[in-house]
Protein backbone atom coordinates (compact mmCIF):
# COMPACT_ATOMS: atom_id res chain seq x y z
CA MET A 1 3.47 12.43 38.74
CA GLU A 2 3.01 10.51 35.54
CA THR A 3 4.06 12.03 32.25
CA ILE A 4 1.77 11.62 29.32
CA THR A 5 3.35 11.21 25.94
CA LEU A 6 1.34 12.24 22.95
CA ILE A 7 1.23 9.95 19.98
CA GLU A 8 2.27 11.68 16.79
CA PRO A 9 -0.23 10.46 14.17
CA VAL A 10 1.74 11.85 11.24
CA ALA A 11 5.52 12.03 11.19
CA LEU A 12 6.83 15.51 10.58
CA GLU A 13 8.56 14.48 7.38
CA ASN A 14 5.19 13.22 6.06
CA PHE A 15 3.17 16.26 7.08
CA LEU A 16 3.33 18.06 3.72
CA VAL A 17 2.51 14.87 1.80
CA THR A 18 -0.44 14.22 4.12
CA PHE A 19 -1.69 17.79 3.83
CA ILE A 20 -1.49 17.86 0.02
CA SER A 21 -3.01 14.41 -0.46
CA ALA A 22 -5.92 15.23 1.89
CA GLY A 23 -6.62 18.41 -0.07
CA LEU A 24 -6.36 16.55 -3.36
CA VAL A 25 -8.95 14.03 -2.16
CA ILE A 26 -11.44 16.90 -1.74
CA VAL A 27 -10.56 18.58 -5.04
CA ALA A 28 -10.68 15.30 -6.99
CA ALA A 29 -14.02 14.35 -5.42
CA THR A 30 -15.44 17.71 -6.45
CA GLY A 31 -14.09 17.29 -9.96
CA TYR A 32 -15.62 13.83 -10.19
CA ALA A 33 -19.04 15.00 -9.01
CA VAL A 34 -19.11 18.04 -11.31
CA CYS A 35 -17.86 16.18 -14.39
CA TYR A 36 -20.25 13.29 -13.74
CA ALA A 37 -23.22 15.67 -13.52
CA LEU A 38 -22.12 17.50 -16.65
CA SER A 39 -21.66 14.21 -18.51
CA GLN A 40 -25.24 13.27 -17.64
CA SER A 41 -26.72 16.58 -18.77
CA ARG A 42 -24.55 16.89 -21.91
CA PRO A 43 -23.88 13.79 -24.00
CA HIS A 44 -20.11 14.21 -24.32
CA ALA A 45 -18.00 11.13 -23.71
CA TYR A 46 -14.95 13.18 -22.72
CA LEU A 47 -16.78 14.53 -19.65
CA ARG A 48 -17.38 11.01 -18.36
CA LEU A 49 -13.74 10.17 -19.04
CA ILE A 50 -12.61 13.25 -17.09
CA ALA A 51 -14.97 12.27 -14.25
CA TYR A 52 -13.38 8.83 -14.02
CA LEU A 53 -9.92 10.36 -14.23
CA CYS A 54 -10.81 12.59 -11.28
CA TYR A 55 -12.00 9.51 -9.39
CA ALA A 56 -8.71 7.73 -10.15
CA ILE A 57 -6.86 10.76 -8.78
CA LEU A 58 -9.09 10.60 -5.70
CA LEU A 59 -8.23 6.92 -5.14
CA THR A 60 -4.52 7.56 -5.63
CA SER A 61 -4.60 10.51 -3.23
CA LEU A 62 -6.50 8.46 -0.69
CA TRP A 63 -3.91 5.68 -0.96
CA VAL A 64 -1.08 8.20 -0.43
CA LEU A 65 -2.97 9.75 2.49
CA SER A 66 -3.53 6.34 4.08
CA ARG A 67 0.14 5.47 3.76
CA SER A 68 1.52 8.81 4.95
CA ALA A 69 -0.89 9.10 7.89
CA ASN A 70 -0.33 5.45 8.90
CA PHE A 71 -4.00 4.52 8.66
CA SER A 72 -4.83 1.05 9.91
CA ASP A 73 -7.83 -0.99 11.02
CA SER A 74 -10.91 1.20 11.43
CA TRP A 75 -9.37 4.26 9.75
CA LEU A 76 -8.50 2.22 6.68
CA LEU A 77 -12.02 0.78 6.58
CA LEU A 78 -13.46 4.29 6.94
CA SER A 79 -11.29 5.45 4.03
CA LEU A 80 -12.56 2.61 1.84
CA LEU A 81 -16.17 3.41 2.76
CA MET A 82 -15.53 7.07 1.97
CA ALA A 83 -14.13 6.14 -1.45
CA ALA A 84 -17.21 4.04 -2.20
CA GLY A 85 -19.46 6.85 -1.02
CA TYR A 86 -17.68 9.37 -3.23
CA PHE A 87 -18.27 7.08 -6.20
CA PHE A 88 -21.95 6.35 -5.65
CA ALA A 89 -23.15 9.68 -4.18
CA PRO A 90 -23.13 11.69 -7.46
CA ILE A 91 -24.87 8.82 -9.25
CA GLY A 92 -27.58 8.60 -6.59
CA ILE A 93 -28.01 12.36 -6.43
CA TRP A 94 -28.35 12.54 -10.21
CA HIS A 95 -31.06 9.87 -10.22
CA LEU A 96 -32.85 11.56 -7.33
CA CYS A 97 -32.83 14.91 -9.13
CA THR A 98 -34.03 13.51 -12.46
CA ARG A 99 -36.86 11.56 -10.84
CA THR A 100 -37.88 14.50 -8.67
CA HIS A 101 -37.94 16.97 -11.57
CA HIS A 102 -39.08 14.56 -14.29
CA HIS A 103 -42.46 16.22 -14.70
CA GLN A 104 -41.04 19.72 -15.24
């Protein structure tokens, strides 16, 4: 009978780093979206700066996640597409909302 060995995608010593960086990607993306929307509705430059800071944290966390989880090939491409999507989604949603509710 053949034994099947499971591939360990994340080394045990990297598990905590992977877990924290994955969570930070979600928190930073939320912070970016909220601060971007607030910066559009209230003309305060510091809100836009905080939004971009959150996005920089997101990119850094995604880089750490990619390194600690040994992403390569298609997973790395998917991560880059996700980062681009996180950047453009709040902008697109804001434009959609303002054009939809422009007459109100």
